[in-house]
Amino acid sequence: MAERQSEHRQKLETIVIESNCKAQSRGQWFAFVLALMVIGGGVYLLAQGKSVQGFSAIIIALASLIGALVYSHTEQKKERERRLRPFPQAPRPRRPDPNSN
């Protein structure tokens, strides 16, 4: 019974990990397509003679992509550091002082 429970839990963990990877990949693709659309819109605005709006759209899209990349990198680094930290030790019980009567 314990072996079946362990096998079941491992299957569930595998499903969760795979679905998280797929969701993360899907999100990256959506962000890529959205960024391309915004950059394309900026290029279109530049071609129409609206240089301020066109450059603004391109810069905002690139800044958002770079910001997301930096944020993701720092969060992953924090997570790795947190996992490397040892577990906190429980405080040792204090022994009564024999001289404190």
C-alpha atoms as a PDB file:
ATOM      1  CA  MET A   1       0.000   0.000   0.000  1.00  0.00           C
ATOM      2  CA  ALA A   2       2.838   2.408   0.843  1.00  0.00           C
ATOM      3  CA  GLU A   3       4.583   1.533  -2.419  1.00  0.00           C
ATOM      4  CA  ARG A   4       1.410   2.289  -4.412  1.00  0.00           C
ATOM      5  CA  GLN A   5       1.016   5.592  -2.589  1.00  0.00           C
ATOM      6  CA  SER A   6       4.642   6.477  -3.316  1.00  0.00           C
ATOM      7  CA  GLU A   7       4.270   5.550  -6.981  1.00  0.00           C
ATOM      8  CA  HIS A   8       1.074   7.608  -7.220  1.00  0.00           C
ATOM      9  CA  ARG A   9       2.740  10.641  -5.636  1.00  0.00           C
ATOM     10  CA  GLN A  10       5.701  10.363  -8.020  1.00  0.00           C
ATOM     11  CA  LYS A  11       3.359  10.222 -11.019  1.00  0.00           C
ATOM     12  CA  LEU A  12       1.530  13.322  -9.786  1.00  0.00           C
ATOM     13  CA  GLU A  13       4.812  15.168  -9.260  1.00  0.00           C
ATOM     14  CA  THR A  14       5.900  14.238 -12.791  1.00  0.00           C
ATOM     15  CA  ILE A  15       2.622  15.540 -14.209  1.00  0.00           C
ATOM     16  CA  VAL A  16       2.927  18.798 -12.275  1.00  0.00           C
ATOM     17  CA  ILE A  17       6.532  19.345 -13.370  1.00  0.00           C
ATOM     18  CA  GLU A  18       5.739  18.634 -17.016  1.00  0.00           C
ATOM     19  CA  SER A  19       2.717  20.938 -17.003  1.00  0.00           C
ATOM     20  CA  ASN A  20       4.739  23.721 -15.346  1.00  0.00           C
ATOM     21  CA  CYS A  21       7.411  23.391 -18.033  1.00  0.00           C
ATOM     22  CA  LYS A  22       4.800  23.521 -20.791  1.00  0.00           C
ATOM     23  CA  ALA A  23       3.119  26.559 -19.240  1.00  0.00           C
ATOM     24  CA  GLN A  24       6.444  28.339 -18.883  1.00  0.00           C
ATOM     25  CA  SER A  25       7.350  27.572 -22.499  1.00  0.00           C
ATOM     26  CA  ARG A  26       3.925  28.739 -23.691  1.00  0.00           C
ATOM     27  CA  GLY A  27       4.306  31.977 -21.756  1.00  0.00           C
ATOM     28  CA  GLN A  28       7.698  32.600 -23.312  1.00  0.00           C
ATOM     29  CA  TRP A  29       6.268  32.100 -26.793  1.00  0.00           C
ATOM     30  CA  PHE A  30       3.365  34.463 -26.088  1.00  0.00           C
ATOM     31  CA  ALA A  31       5.784  37.096 -24.775  1.00  0.00           C
ATOM     32  CA  PHE A  32       7.978  36.676 -27.852  1.00  0.00           C
ATOM     33  CA  VAL A  33       5.041  37.050 -30.257  1.00  0.00           C
ATOM     34  CA  LEU A  34       3.699  40.054 -28.344  1.00  0.00           C
ATOM     35  CA  ALA A  35       7.124  41.715 -28.351  1.00  0.00           C
ATOM     36  CA  LEU A  36       7.472  41.121 -32.101  1.00  0.00           C
ATOM     37  CA  MET A  37       4.047  42.651 -32.665  1.00  0.00           C
ATOM     38  CA  VAL A  38       4.902  45.741 -30.621  1.00  0.00           C
ATOM     39  CA  ILE A  39       8.272  46.123 -32.328  1.00  0.00           C
ATOM     40  CA  GLY A  40       6.568  45.667 -35.703  1.00  0.00           C
ATOM     41  CA  GLY A  41       4.065  48.342 -34.727  1.00  0.00           C
ATOM     42  CA  GLY A  42       6.932  50.624 -33.774  1.00  0.00           C
ATOM     43  CA  VAL A  43       8.602  50.060 -37.134  1.00  0.00           C
ATOM     44  CA  TYR A  44       5.284  50.795 -38.849  1.00  0.00           C
ATOM     45  CA  LEU A  45       4.941  54.031 -36.885  1.00  0.00           C
ATOM     46  CA  LEU A  46       8.491  54.979 -37.851  1.00  0.00           C
ATOM     47  CA  ALA A  47       7.648  54.334 -41.516  1.00  0.00           C
ATOM     48  CA  GLN A  48       4.582  56.584 -41.168  1.00  0.00           C
ATOM     49  CA  GLY A  49       6.746  59.447 -39.910  1.00  0.00           C
ATOM     50  CA  LYS A  50       5.764  59.184 -36.233  1.00  0.00           C
ATOM     51  CA  SER A  51       9.266  58.825 -34.899  1.00  0.00           C
ATOM     52  CA  VAL A  52       8.561  59.552 -31.202  1.00  0.00           C
ATOM     53  CA  GLN A  53       5.742  57.013 -30.967  1.00  0.00           C
ATOM     54  CA  GLY A  54       7.647  54.434 -33.026  1.00  0.00           C
ATOM     55  CA  PHE A  55      10.824  54.681 -30.994  1.00  0.00           C
ATOM     56  CA  SER A  56       8.797  54.673 -27.778  1.00  0.00           C
ATOM     57  CA  ALA A  57       7.036  51.439 -28.756  1.00  0.00           C
ATOM     58  CA  ILE A  58      10.306  49.742 -29.676  1.00  0.00           C
ATOM     59  CA  ILE A  59      12.143  50.908 -26.549  1.00  0.00           C
ATOM     60  CA  ILE A  60       9.267  49.921 -24.249  1.00  0.00           C
ATOM     61  CA  ALA A  61       9.047  46.453 -25.819  1.00  0.00           C
ATOM     62  CA  LEU A  62      12.791  45.857 -25.539  1.00  0.00           C
ATOM     63  CA  ALA A  63      12.931  47.256 -21.996  1.00  0.00           C
ATOM     64  CA  SER A  64      10.086  44.952 -20.950  1.00  0.00           C
ATOM     65  CA  LEU A  65      11.849  41.909 -22.384  1.00  0.00           C
ATOM     66  CA  ILE A  66      15.136  42.821 -20.726  1.00  0.00           C
ATOM     67  CA  GLY A  67      13.391  43.578 -17.430  1.00  0.00           C
ATOM     68  CA  ALA A  68      11.606  40.228 -17.454  1.00  0.00           C
ATOM     69  CA  LEU A  69      14.870  38.444 -18.208  1.00  0.00           C
ATOM     70  CA  VAL A  70      16.743  40.199 -15.400  1.00  0.00           C
ATOM     71  CA  TYR A  71      13.904  39.622 -12.926  1.00  0.00           C
ATOM     72  CA  SER A  72      13.735  35.929 -13.829  1.00  0.00           C
ATOM     73  CA  HIS A  73      17.492  35.572 -13.466  1.00  0.00           C
ATOM     74  CA  THR A  74      17.583  37.228 -10.028  1.00  0.00           C
ATOM     75  CA  GLU A  75      14.632  35.154  -8.775  1.00  0.00           C
ATOM     76  CA  GLN A  76      16.308  31.927  -9.930  1.00  0.00           C
ATOM     77  CA  LYS A  77      19.525  32.989  -8.210  1.00  0.00           C
ATOM     78  CA  LYS A  78      17.648  33.704  -4.954  1.00  0.00           C
ATOM     79  CA  GLU A  79      15.928  30.314  -5.178  1.00  0.00           C
ATOM     80  CA  ARG A  80      19.245  28.513  -5.688  1.00  0.00           C
ATOM     81  CA  GLU A  81      20.776  30.348  -2.725  1.00  0.00           C
ATOM     82  CA  ARG A  82      17.751  29.542  -0.567  1.00  0.00           C
ATOM     83  CA  ARG A  83      18.042  25.855  -1.418  1.00  0.00           C
ATOM     84  CA  LEU A  84      21.743  25.800  -0.605  1.00  0.00           C
ATOM     85  CA  ARG A  85      21.182  27.297   2.847  1.00  0.00           C
ATOM     86  CA  PRO A  86      21.200  24.692   5.607  1.00  0.00           C
ATOM     87  CA  PHE A  87      18.082  24.124   7.605  1.00  0.00           C
ATOM     88  CA  PRO A  88      17.950  26.170  10.801  1.00  0.00           C
ATOM     89  CA  GLN A  89      18.826  24.232  13.896  1.00  0.00           C
ATOM     90  CA  ALA A  90      16.410  24.074  16.784  1.00  0.00           C
ATOM     91  CA  PRO A  91      17.693  25.819  19.916  1.00  0.00           C
ATOM     92  CA  ARG A  92      19.094  23.503  22.501  1.00  0.00           C
ATOM     93  CA  PRO A  93      17.187  23.296  25.766  1.00  0.00           C
ATOM     94  CA  ARG A  94      18.797  25.223  28.591  1.00  0.00           C
ATOM     95  CA  ARG A  95      19.981  23.302  31.563  1.00  0.00           C
ATOM     96  CA  PRO A  96      19.162  24.740  34.941  1.00  0.00           C
ATOM     97  CA  ASP A  97      22.122  26.484  36.524  1.00  0.00           C
ATOM     98  CA  PRO A  98      23.067  24.603  39.731  1.00  0.00           C
ATOM     99  CA  ASN A  99      24.504  27.787  41.267  1.00  0.00           C
ATOM    100  CA  SER A 100      21.328  29.876  40.911  1.00  0.00           C
ATOM    101  CA  ASN A 101      19.483  28.838  44.062  1.00  0.00           C
END
